[in-house]
PDB file of N, CA and C in Angstrom:
ATOM      1  N   MET A   1     102.715 100.747 113.932  1.00  0.00           N
ATOM      2  CA  MET A   1     101.611 101.639 114.247  1.00  0.00           C
ATOM      3  C   MET A   1     100.793 101.985 113.003  1.00  0.00           C
ATOM      4  N   ILE A   2     101.496 102.199 111.903  1.00  0.00           N
ATOM      5  CA  ILE A   2     100.817 102.572 110.666  1.00  0.00           C
ATOM      6  C   ILE A   2      99.931 101.426 110.182  1.00  0.00           C
ATOM      7  N   GLU A   3     100.401 100.198 110.353  1.00  0.00           N
ATOM      8  CA  GLU A   3      99.643  99.023 109.921  1.00  0.00           C
ATOM      9  C   GLU A   3      98.432  98.774 110.820  1.00  0.00           C
ATOM     10  N   GLU A   4      98.548  99.115 112.103  1.00  0.00           N
ATOM     11  CA  GLU A   4      97.522  98.790 113.089  1.00  0.00           C
ATOM     12  C   GLU A   4      96.431  99.838 113.231  1.00  0.00           C
ATOM     13  N   ASN A   5      96.650 101.049 112.724  1.00  0.00           N
ATOM     14  CA  ASN A   5      95.695 102.143 112.919  1.00  0.00           C
ATOM     15  C   ASN A   5      95.341 102.776 111.580  1.00  0.00           C
ATOM     16  N   PRO A   6      94.078 103.135 111.383  1.00  0.00           N
ATOM     17  CA  PRO A   6      93.693 103.748 110.107  1.00  0.00           C
ATOM     18  C   PRO A   6      94.267 105.151 109.907  1.00  0.00           C
ATOM     19  N   ALA A   7      94.553 105.852 111.009  1.00  0.00           N
ATOM     20  CA  ALA A   7      95.110 107.204 110.917  1.00  0.00           C
ATOM     21  C   ALA A   7      96.098 107.404 112.068  1.00  0.00           C
ATOM     22  N   VAL A   8      97.295 107.893 111.718  1.00  0.00           N
ATOM     23  CA  VAL A   8      98.350 108.080 112.714  1.00  0.00           C
ATOM     24  C   VAL A   8      99.022 109.431 112.478  1.00  0.00           C
ATOM     25  N   CYS A   9      99.265 110.143 113.573  1.00  0.00           N
ATOM     26  CA  CYS A   9      99.992 111.403 113.521  1.00  0.00           C
ATOM     27  C   CYS A   9     101.293 111.233 114.288  1.00  0.00           C
ATOM     28  N   PHE A  10     102.411 111.353 113.581  1.00  0.00           N
ATOM     29  CA  PHE A  10     103.723 111.313 114.213  1.00  0.00           C
ATOM     30  C   PHE A  10     104.177 112.746 114.455  1.00  0.00           C
ATOM     31  N   TYR A  11     104.520 113.033 115.690  1.00  0.00           N
ATOM     32  CA  TYR A  11     105.062 114.339 116.063  1.00  0.00           C
ATOM     33  C   TYR A  11     106.525 114.114 116.398  1.00  0.00           C
ATOM     34  N   LEU A  12     107.394 114.575 115.515  1.00  0.00           N
ATOM     35  CA  LEU A  12     108.830 114.316 115.645  1.00  0.00           C
ATOM     36  C   LEU A  12     109.544 115.582 116.093  1.00  0.00           C
ATOM     37  N   SER A  13     110.246 115.475 117.221  1.00  0.00           N
ATOM     38  CA  SER A  13     110.951 116.646 117.735  1.00  0.00           C
ATOM     39  C   SER A  13     112.046 116.205 118.701  1.00  0.00           C
ATOM     40  N   THR A  14     112.623 117.189 119.355  1.00  0.00           N
ATOM     41  CA  THR A  14     113.613 116.941 120.399  1.00  0.00           C
ATOM     42  C   THR A  14     113.221 117.739 121.638  1.00  0.00           C
ATOM     43  N   PRO A  15     113.618 117.289 122.808  1.00  0.00           N
ATOM     44  CA  PRO A  15     113.286 118.035 124.028  1.00  0.00           C
ATOM     45  C   PRO A  15     113.905 119.435 124.080  1.00  0.00           C
ATOM     46  N   GLN A  16     114.966 119.673 123.308  1.00  0.00           N
ATOM     47  CA  GLN A  16     115.629 120.972 123.319  1.00  0.00           C
ATOM     48  C   GLN A  16     114.897 122.021 122.483  1.00  0.00           C
ATOM     49  N   CYS A  17     113.962 121.611 121.669  1.00  0.00           N
ATOM     50  CA  CYS A  17     113.257 122.524 120.755  1.00  0.00           C
ATOM     51  C   CYS A  17     112.149 123.265 121.494  1.00  0.00           C
ATOM     52  N   ASN A  18     112.305 124.574 121.649  1.00  0.00           N
ATOM     53  CA  ASN A  18     111.295 125.365 122.365  1.00  0.00           C
ATOM     54  C   ASN A  18     109.995 125.506 121.580  1.00  0.00           C
ATOM     55  N   VAL A  19     110.081 125.634 120.271  1.00  0.00           N
ATOM     56  CA  VAL A  19     108.875 125.702 119.435  1.00  0.00           C
ATOM     57  C   VAL A  19     108.086 124.406 119.591  1.00  0.00           C
ATOM     58  N   CYS A  20     108.790 123.300 119.619  1.00  0.00           N
ATOM     59  CA  CYS A  20     108.152 121.989 119.750  1.00  0.00           C
ATOM     60  C   CYS A  20     107.360 121.879 121.047  1.00  0.00           C
ATOM     61  N   LYS A  21     107.929 122.406 122.121  1.00  0.00           N
ATOM     62  CA  LYS A  21     107.275 122.339 123.435  1.00  0.00           C
ATOM     63  C   LYS A  21     105.964 123.107 123.454  1.00  0.00           C
ATOM     64  N   VAL A  22     105.904 124.207 122.720  1.00  0.00           N
ATOM     65  CA  VAL A  22     104.692 125.030 122.666  1.00  0.00           C
ATOM     66  C   VAL A  22     103.662 124.405 121.729  1.00  0.00           C
ATOM     67  N   LEU A  23     104.121 123.868 120.625  1.00  0.00           N
ATOM     68  CA  LEU A  23     103.215 123.347 119.598  1.00  0.00           C
ATOM     69  C   LEU A  23     102.603 121.997 119.957  1.00  0.00           C
ATOM     70  N   LYS A  24     103.357 121.151 120.609  1.00  0.00           N
ATOM     71  CA  LYS A  24     102.893 119.783 120.894  1.00  0.00           C
ATOM     72  C   LYS A  24     101.541 119.739 121.615  1.00  0.00           C
ATOM     73  N   PRO A  25     101.324 120.472 122.708  1.00  0.00           N
ATOM     74  CA  PRO A  25     100.018 120.413 123.367  1.00  0.00           C
ATOM     75  C   PRO A  25      98.882 120.924 122.477  1.00  0.00           C
ATOM     76  N   LYS A  26      99.186 121.864 121.610  1.00  0.00           N
ATOM     77  CA  LYS A  26      98.163 122.381 120.697  1.00  0.00           C
ATOM     78  C   LYS A  26      97.754 121.315 119.687  1.00  0.00           C
ATOM     79  N   VAL A  27      98.718 120.564 119.194  1.00  0.00           N
ATOM     80  CA  VAL A  27      98.423 119.493 118.244  1.00  0.00           C
ATOM     81  C   VAL A  27      97.616 118.396 118.940  1.00  0.00           C
ATOM     82  N   ILE A  28      98.011 118.044 120.149  1.00  0.00           N
ATOM     83  CA  ILE A  28      97.280 117.029 120.919  1.00  0.00           C
ATOM     84  C   ILE A  28      95.845 117.461 121.146  1.00  0.00           C
ATOM     85  N   ASP A  29      95.636 118.713 121.549  1.00  0.00           N
ATOM     86  CA  ASP A  29      94.278 119.234 121.772  1.00  0.00           C
ATOM     87  C   ASP A  29      93.453 119.222 120.487  1.00  0.00           C
ATOM     88  N   LEU A  30      94.076 119.610 119.382  1.00  0.00           N
ATOM     89  CA  LEU A  30      93.390 119.611 118.090  1.00  0.00           C
ATOM     90  C   LEU A  30      92.914 118.208 117.740  1.00  0.00           C
ATOM     91  N   LEU A  31      93.790 117.242 117.879  1.00  0.00           N
ATOM     92  CA  LEU A  31      93.421 115.873 117.533  1.00  0.00           C
ATOM     93  C   LEU A  31      92.334 115.340 118.460  1.00  0.00           C
ATOM     94  N   LYS A  32      92.450 115.593 119.735  1.00  0.00           N
ATOM     95  CA  LYS A  32      91.439 115.109 120.688  1.00  0.00           C
ATOM     96  C   LYS A  32      90.077 115.732 120.443  1.00  0.00           C
ATOM     97  N   SER A  33      90.064 117.019 120.145  1.00  0.00           N
ATOM     98  CA  SER A  33      88.779 117.714 120.010  1.00  0.00           C
ATOM     99  C   SER A  33      88.117 117.528 118.648  1.00  0.00           C
ATOM    100  N   LYS A  34      88.897 117.526 117.567  1.00  0.00           N
ATOM    101  CA  LYS A  34      88.303 117.483 116.228  1.00  0.00           C
ATOM    102  C   LYS A  34      88.530 116.177 115.469  1.00  0.00           C
ATOM    103  N   PHE A  35      89.599 115.467 115.809  1.00  0.00           N
ATOM    104  CA  PHE A  35      89.969 114.274 115.034  1.00  0.00           C
ATOM    105  C   PHE A  35      90.337 113.120 115.966  1.00  0.00           C
ATOM    106  N   PRO A  36      89.377 112.661 116.769  1.00  0.00           N
ATOM    107  CA  PRO A  36      89.695 111.687 117.814  1.00  0.00           C
ATOM    108  C   PRO A  36      90.141 110.310 117.312  1.00  0.00           C
ATOM    109  N   GLN A  37      89.902 110.008 116.077  1.00  0.00           N
ATOM    110  CA  GLN A  37      90.288 108.695 115.575  1.00  0.00           C
ATOM    111  C   GLN A  37      91.730 108.657 115.053  1.00  0.00           C
ATOM    112  N   ILE A  38      92.418 109.782 115.111  1.00  0.00           N
ATOM    113  CA  ILE A  38      93.830 109.814 114.720  1.00  0.00           C
ATOM    114  C   ILE A  38      94.676 109.512 115.954  1.00  0.00           C
ATOM    115  N   LYS A  39      95.512 108.501 115.854  1.00  0.00           N
ATOM    116  CA  LYS A  39      96.404 108.137 116.956  1.00  0.00           C
ATOM    117  C   LYS A  39      97.623 109.050 116.934  1.00  0.00           C
ATOM    118  N   PHE A  40      97.911 109.672 118.072  1.00  0.00           N
ATOM    119  CA  PHE A  40      99.052 110.578 118.211  1.00  0.00           C
ATOM    120  C   PHE A  40     100.253 109.810 118.755  1.00  0.00           C
ATOM    121  N   ILE A  41     101.408 109.983 118.107  1.00  0.00           N
ATOM    122  CA  ILE A  41     102.639 109.335 118.559  1.00  0.00           C
ATOM    123  C   ILE A  41     103.759 110.374 118.572  1.00  0.00           C
ATOM    124  N   TYR A  42     104.333 110.555 119.758  1.00  0.00           N
ATOM    125  CA  TYR A  42     105.470 111.465 119.896  1.00  0.00           C
ATOM    126  C   TYR A  42     106.757 110.675 119.689  1.00  0.00           C
ATOM    127  N   VAL A  43     107.657 111.229 118.881  1.00  0.00           N
ATOM    128  CA  VAL A  43     108.949 110.590 118.639  1.00  0.00           C
ATOM    129  C   VAL A  43     110.050 111.583 119.013  1.00  0.00           C
ATOM    130  N   ASP A  44     110.827 111.214 120.025  1.00  0.00           N
ATOM    131  CA  ASP A  44     111.996 112.004 120.420  1.00  0.00           C
ATOM    132  C   ASP A  44     113.139 111.586 119.503  1.00  0.00           C
ATOM    133  N   LEU A  45     113.544 112.477 118.633  1.00  0.00           N
ATOM    134  CA  LEU A  45     114.560 112.147 117.642  1.00  0.00           C
ATOM    135  C   LEU A  45     115.948 111.945 118.243  1.00  0.00           C
ATOM    136  N   ASN A  46     116.140 112.365 119.472  1.00  0.00           N
ATOM    137  CA  ASN A  46     117.408 112.059 120.146  1.00  0.00           C
ATOM    138  C   ASN A  46     117.504 110.562 120.435  1.00  0.00           C
ATOM    139  N   ASP A  47     116.361 109.942 120.707  1.00  0.00           N
ATOM    140  CA  ASP A  47     116.322 108.515 121.022  1.00  0.00           C
ATOM    141  C   ASP A  47     116.085 107.645 119.794  1.00  0.00           C
ATOM    142  N   ALA A  48     115.624 108.236 118.712  1.00  0.00           N
ATOM    143  CA  ALA A  48     115.257 107.453 117.522  1.00  0.00           C
ATOM    144  C   ALA A  48     115.793 108.115 116.256  1.00  0.00           C
ATOM    145  N   LYS A  49     117.086 108.250 116.180  1.00  0.00           N
ATOM    146  CA  LYS A  49     117.712 108.917 115.027  1.00  0.00           C
ATOM    147  C   LYS A  49     117.425 108.208 113.708  1.00  0.00           C
ATOM    148  N   GLU A  50     117.297 106.884 113.745  1.00  0.00           N
ATOM    149  CA  GLU A  50     117.035 106.143 112.521  1.00  0.00           C
ATOM    150  C   GLU A  50     115.669 106.481 111.923  1.00  0.00           C
ATOM    151  N   ILE A  51     114.715 106.831 112.773  1.00  0.00           N
ATOM    152  CA  ILE A  51     113.386 107.210 112.276  1.00  0.00           C
ATOM    153  C   ILE A  51     113.476 108.508 111.481  1.00  0.00           C
ATOM    154  N   ALA A  52     114.306 109.440 111.932  1.00  0.00           N
ATOM    155  CA  ALA A  52     114.487 110.691 111.189  1.00  0.00           C
ATOM    156  C   ALA A  52     114.965 110.396 109.776  1.00  0.00           C
ATOM    157  N   GLY A  53     115.876 109.466 109.646  1.00  0.00           N
ATOM    158  CA  GLY A  53     116.371 109.090 108.326  1.00  0.00           C
ATOM    159  C   GLY A  53     115.322 108.380 107.497  1.00  0.00           C
ATOM    160  N   GLN A  54     114.599 107.471 108.118  1.00  0.00           N
ATOM    161  CA  GLN A  54     113.568 106.713 107.404  1.00  0.00           C
ATOM    162  C   GLN A  54     112.457 107.618 106.885  1.00  0.00           C
ATOM    163  N   LEU A  55     112.119 108.640 107.678  1.00  0.00           N
ATOM    164  CA  LEU A  55     111.018 109.531 107.297  1.00  0.00           C
ATOM    165  C   LEU A  55     111.506 110.826 106.646  1.00  0.00           C
ATOM    166  N   SER A  56     112.793 110.949 106.401  1.00  0.00           N
ATOM    167  CA  SER A  56     113.383 112.150 105.792  1.00  0.00           C
ATOM    168  C   SER A  56     113.019 113.413 106.563  1.00  0.00           C
ATOM    169  N   VAL A  57     113.267 113.390 107.851  1.00  0.00           N
ATOM    170  CA  VAL A  57     112.997 114.531 108.720  1.00  0.00           C
ATOM    171  C   VAL A  57     114.294 115.306 108.894  1.00  0.00           C
ATOM    172  N   PHE A  58     114.276 116.574 108.464  1.00  0.00           N
ATOM    173  CA  PHE A  58     115.472 117.408 108.525  1.00  0.00           C
ATOM    174  C   PHE A  58     115.316 118.613 109.442  1.00  0.00           C
ATOM    175  N   ALA A  59     114.107 118.844 109.943  1.00  0.00           N
ATOM    176  CA  ALA A  59     113.849 119.984 110.829  1.00  0.00           C
ATOM    177  C   ALA A  59     112.830 119.547 111.883  1.00  0.00           C
ATOM    178  N   VAL A  60     112.901 120.209 113.025  1.00  0.00           N
ATOM    179  CA  VAL A  60     111.910 119.935 114.067  1.00  0.00           C
ATOM    180  C   VAL A  60     111.182 121.218 114.404  1.00  0.00           C
ATOM    181  N   PRO A  61     109.936 121.159 114.762  1.00  0.00           N
ATOM    182  CA  PRO A  61     109.109 119.961 114.760  1.00  0.00           C
ATOM    183  C   PRO A  61     108.689 119.573 113.338  1.00  0.00           C
ATOM    184  N   THR A  62     108.451 118.291 113.168  1.00  0.00           N
ATOM    185  CA  THR A  62     107.865 117.787 111.934  1.00  0.00           C
ATOM    186  C   THR A  62     106.673 116.926 112.306  1.00  0.00           C
ATOM    187  N   ILE A  63     105.580 117.142 111.609  1.00  0.00           N
ATOM    188  CA  ILE A  63     104.366 116.356 111.797  1.00  0.00           C
ATOM    189  C   ILE A  63     104.134 115.588 110.505  1.00  0.00           C
ATOM    190  N   VAL A  64     103.983 114.274 110.639  1.00  0.00           N
ATOM    191  CA  VAL A  64     103.694 113.427 109.491  1.00  0.00           C
ATOM    192  C   VAL A  64     102.432 112.650 109.826  1.00  0.00           C
ATOM    193  N   ILE A  65     101.427 112.773 108.964  1.00  0.00           N
ATOM    194  CA  ILE A  65     100.141 112.117 109.214  1.00  0.00           C
ATOM    195  C   ILE A  65      99.874 111.100 108.118  1.00  0.00           C
ATOM    196  N   TYR A  66      99.528 109.906 108.567  1.00  0.00           N
ATOM    197  CA  TYR A  66      99.199 108.805 107.655  1.00  0.00           C
ATOM    198  C   TYR A  66      97.713 108.500 107.736  1.00  0.00           C
ATOM    199  N   PHE A  67      97.099 108.323 106.586  1.00  0.00           N
ATOM    200  CA  PHE A  67      95.741 107.815 106.483  1.00  0.00           C
ATOM    201  C   PHE A  67      95.799 106.566 105.620  1.00  0.00           C
ATOM    202  N   ASP A  68      95.229 105.497 106.127  1.00  0.00           N
ATOM    203  CA  ASP A  68      95.172 104.231 105.393  1.00  0.00           C
ATOM    204  C   ASP A  68      96.568 103.790 104.931  1.00  0.00           C
ATOM    205  N   ARG A  69      97.553 103.869 105.844  1.00  0.00           N
ATOM    206  CA  ARG A  69      98.941 103.428 105.629  1.00  0.00           C
ATOM    207  C   ARG A  69      99.714 104.250 104.600  1.00  0.00           C
ATOM    208  N   ARG A  70      99.192 105.403 104.220  1.00  0.00           N
ATOM    209  CA  ARG A  70      99.902 106.264 103.265  1.00  0.00           C
ATOM    210  C   ARG A  70     100.119 107.643 103.879  1.00  0.00           C
ATOM    211  N   GLU A  71     101.294 108.207 103.607  1.00  0.00           N
ATOM    212  CA  GLU A  71     101.546 109.564 104.086  1.00  0.00           C
ATOM    213  C   GLU A  71     100.627 110.517 103.347  1.00  0.00           C
ATOM    214  N   ALA A  72      99.841 111.260 104.113  1.00  0.00           N
ATOM    215  CA  ALA A  72      98.893 112.201 103.523  1.00  0.00           C
ATOM    216  C   ALA A  72      99.335 113.643 103.734  1.00  0.00           C
ATOM    217  N   LEU A  73      99.909 113.927 104.897  1.00  0.00           N
ATOM    218  CA  LEU A  73     100.291 115.298 105.231  1.00  0.00           C
ATOM    219  C   LEU A  73     101.655 115.324 105.898  1.00  0.00           C
ATOM    220  N   ARG A  74     102.380 116.404 105.624  1.00  0.00           N
ATOM    221  CA  ARG A  74     103.669 116.631 106.274  1.00  0.00           C
ATOM    222  C   ARG A  74     103.816 118.133 106.476  1.00  0.00           C
ATOM    223  N   ALA A  75     104.186 118.499 107.689  1.00  0.00           N
ATOM    224  CA  ALA A  75     104.418 119.909 108.002  1.00  0.00           C
ATOM    225  C   ALA A  75     105.669 119.993 108.870  1.00  0.00           C
ATOM    226  N   SER A  76     106.491 121.001 108.606  1.00  0.00           N
ATOM    227  CA  SER A  76     107.716 121.181 109.378  1.00  0.00           C
ATOM    228  C   SER A  76     107.911 122.632 109.753  1.00  0.00           C
ATOM    229  N   ARG A  77     108.635 122.812 110.822  1.00  0.00           N
ATOM    230  CA  ARG A  77     109.118 124.099 111.299  1.00  0.00           C
ATOM    231  C   ARG A  77     107.990 125.047 111.707  1.00  0.00           C
ATOM    232  N   ASN A  78     107.574 125.938 110.831  1.00  0.00           N
ATOM    233  CA  ASN A  78     106.524 126.913 111.146  1.00  0.00           C
ATOM    234  C   ASN A  78     105.169 126.320 110.773  1.00  0.00           C
ATOM    235  N   ILE A  79     104.467 125.831 111.781  1.00  0.00           N
ATOM    236  CA  ILE A  79     103.226 125.108 111.547  1.00  0.00           C
ATOM    237  C   ILE A  79     102.062 125.904 112.127  1.00  0.00           C
ATOM    238  N   SER A  80     101.076 126.186 111.279  1.00  0.00           N
ATOM    239  CA  SER A  80      99.866 126.870 111.712  1.00  0.00           C
ATOM    240  C   SER A  80      98.829 125.820 112.107  1.00  0.00           C
ATOM    241  N   ILE A  81      98.312 125.918 113.319  1.00  0.00           N
ATOM    242  CA  ILE A  81      97.296 124.970 113.781  1.00  0.00           C
ATOM    243  C   ILE A  81      96.045 125.058 112.918  1.00  0.00           C
ATOM    244  N   GLU A  82      95.660 126.275 112.522  1.00  0.00           N
ATOM    245  CA  GLU A  82      94.469 126.436 111.685  1.00  0.00           C
ATOM    246  C   GLU A  82      94.645 125.753 110.328  1.00  0.00           C
ATOM    247  N   GLN A  83      95.786 125.965 109.705  1.00  0.00           N
ATOM    248  CA  GLN A  83      96.036 125.329 108.411  1.00  0.00           C
ATOM    249  C   GLN A  83      96.141 123.816 108.546  1.00  0.00           C
ATOM    250  N   LEU A  84      96.792 123.365 109.588  1.00  0.00           N
ATOM    251  CA  LEU A  84      96.905 121.930 109.830  1.00  0.00           C
ATOM    252  C   LEU A  84      95.516 121.319 110.005  1.00  0.00           C
ATOM    253  N   SER A  85      94.664 121.985 110.753  1.00  0.00           N
ATOM    254  CA  SER A  85      93.302 121.504 110.972  1.00  0.00           C
ATOM    255  C   SER A  85      92.533 121.397 109.656  1.00  0.00           C
ATOM    256  N   GLU A  86      92.640 122.417 108.819  1.00  0.00           N
ATOM    257  CA  GLU A  86      91.952 122.399 107.523  1.00  0.00           C
ATOM    258  C   GLU A  86      92.455 121.260 106.638  1.00  0.00           C
ATOM    259  N   GLN A  87      93.755 121.037 106.647  1.00  0.00           N
ATOM    260  CA  GLN A  87      94.328 119.967 105.821  1.00  0.00           C
ATOM    261  C   GLN A  87      93.892 118.597 106.321  1.00  0.00           C
ATOM    262  N   ILE A  88      93.921 118.401 107.626  1.00  0.00           N
ATOM    263  CA  ILE A  88      93.510 117.120 108.196  1.00  0.00           C
ATOM    264  C   ILE A  88      92.041 116.860 107.917  1.00  0.00           C
ATOM    265  N   GLU A  89      91.223 117.899 108.041  1.00  0.00           N
ATOM    266  CA  GLU A  89      89.771 117.740 107.911  1.00  0.00           C
ATOM    267  C   GLU A  89      89.365 117.098 106.590  1.00  0.00           C
ATOM    268  N   ARG A  90      90.000 117.489 105.501  1.00  0.00           N
ATOM    269  CA  ARG A  90      89.660 116.914 104.191  1.00  0.00           C
ATOM    270  C   ARG A  90      89.846 115.402 104.185  1.00  0.00           C
ATOM    271  N   TYR A  91      90.993 114.950 104.632  1.00  0.00           N
ATOM    272  CA  TYR A  91      91.280 113.511 104.658  1.00  0.00           C
ATOM    273  C   TYR A  91      90.402 112.791 105.687  1.00  0.00           C
ATOM    274  N   TYR A  92      90.226 113.411 106.833  1.00  0.00           N
ATOM    275  CA  TYR A  92      89.471 112.801 107.925  1.00  0.00           C
ATOM    276  C   TYR A  92      88.025 112.544 107.509  1.00  0.00           C
ATOM    277  N   LYS A  93      87.418 113.523 106.873  1.00  0.00           N
ATOM    278  CA  LYS A  93      86.027 113.358 106.422  1.00  0.00           C
ATOM    279  C   LYS A  93      85.897 112.221 105.424  1.00  0.00           C
ATOM    280  N   LEU A  94      86.842 112.118 104.504  1.00  0.00           N
ATOM    281  CA  LEU A  94      86.799 111.043 103.526  1.00  0.00           C
ATOM    282  C   LEU A  94      86.925 109.670 104.176  1.00  0.00           C
ATOM    283  N   MET A  95      87.702 109.597 105.206  1.00  0.00           N
ATOM    284  CA  MET A  95      87.976 108.308 105.822  1.00  0.00           C
ATOM    285  C   MET A  95      86.955 107.902 106.879  1.00  0.00           C
ATOM    286  N   PHE A  96      86.493 108.865 107.668  1.00  0.00           N
ATOM    287  CA  PHE A  96      85.683 108.522 108.847  1.00  0.00           C
ATOM    288  C   PHE A  96      84.236 109.004 108.797  1.00  0.00           C
ATOM    289  N   GLU A  97      83.877 109.813 107.835  1.00  0.00           N
ATOM    290  CA  GLU A  97      82.485 110.315 107.820  1.00  0.00           C
ATOM    291  C   GLU A  97      81.759 109.870 106.576  1.00  0.00           C
TER     292      GLU A  97
END
């Protein structure tokens, strides 16, 4: 996915995480409304434990965003949508505007 898309957002969590359930739709809405060129990918860590190790994910939810095949942003646990939006915007403008 990282090789095929200029910008990718991985949302890593588990179905048991209540914070994850609330945050996920907000992240999806943010990307659709402000950053439509970022591909959203949900990863259930119960089904993909090896990905947690590969990406060094120790807490859920974790959001990892890649721009141009490089990790640009990482946020875990207590994630503010406003702060996430501001952080994404800097990279997004450089890449797409």
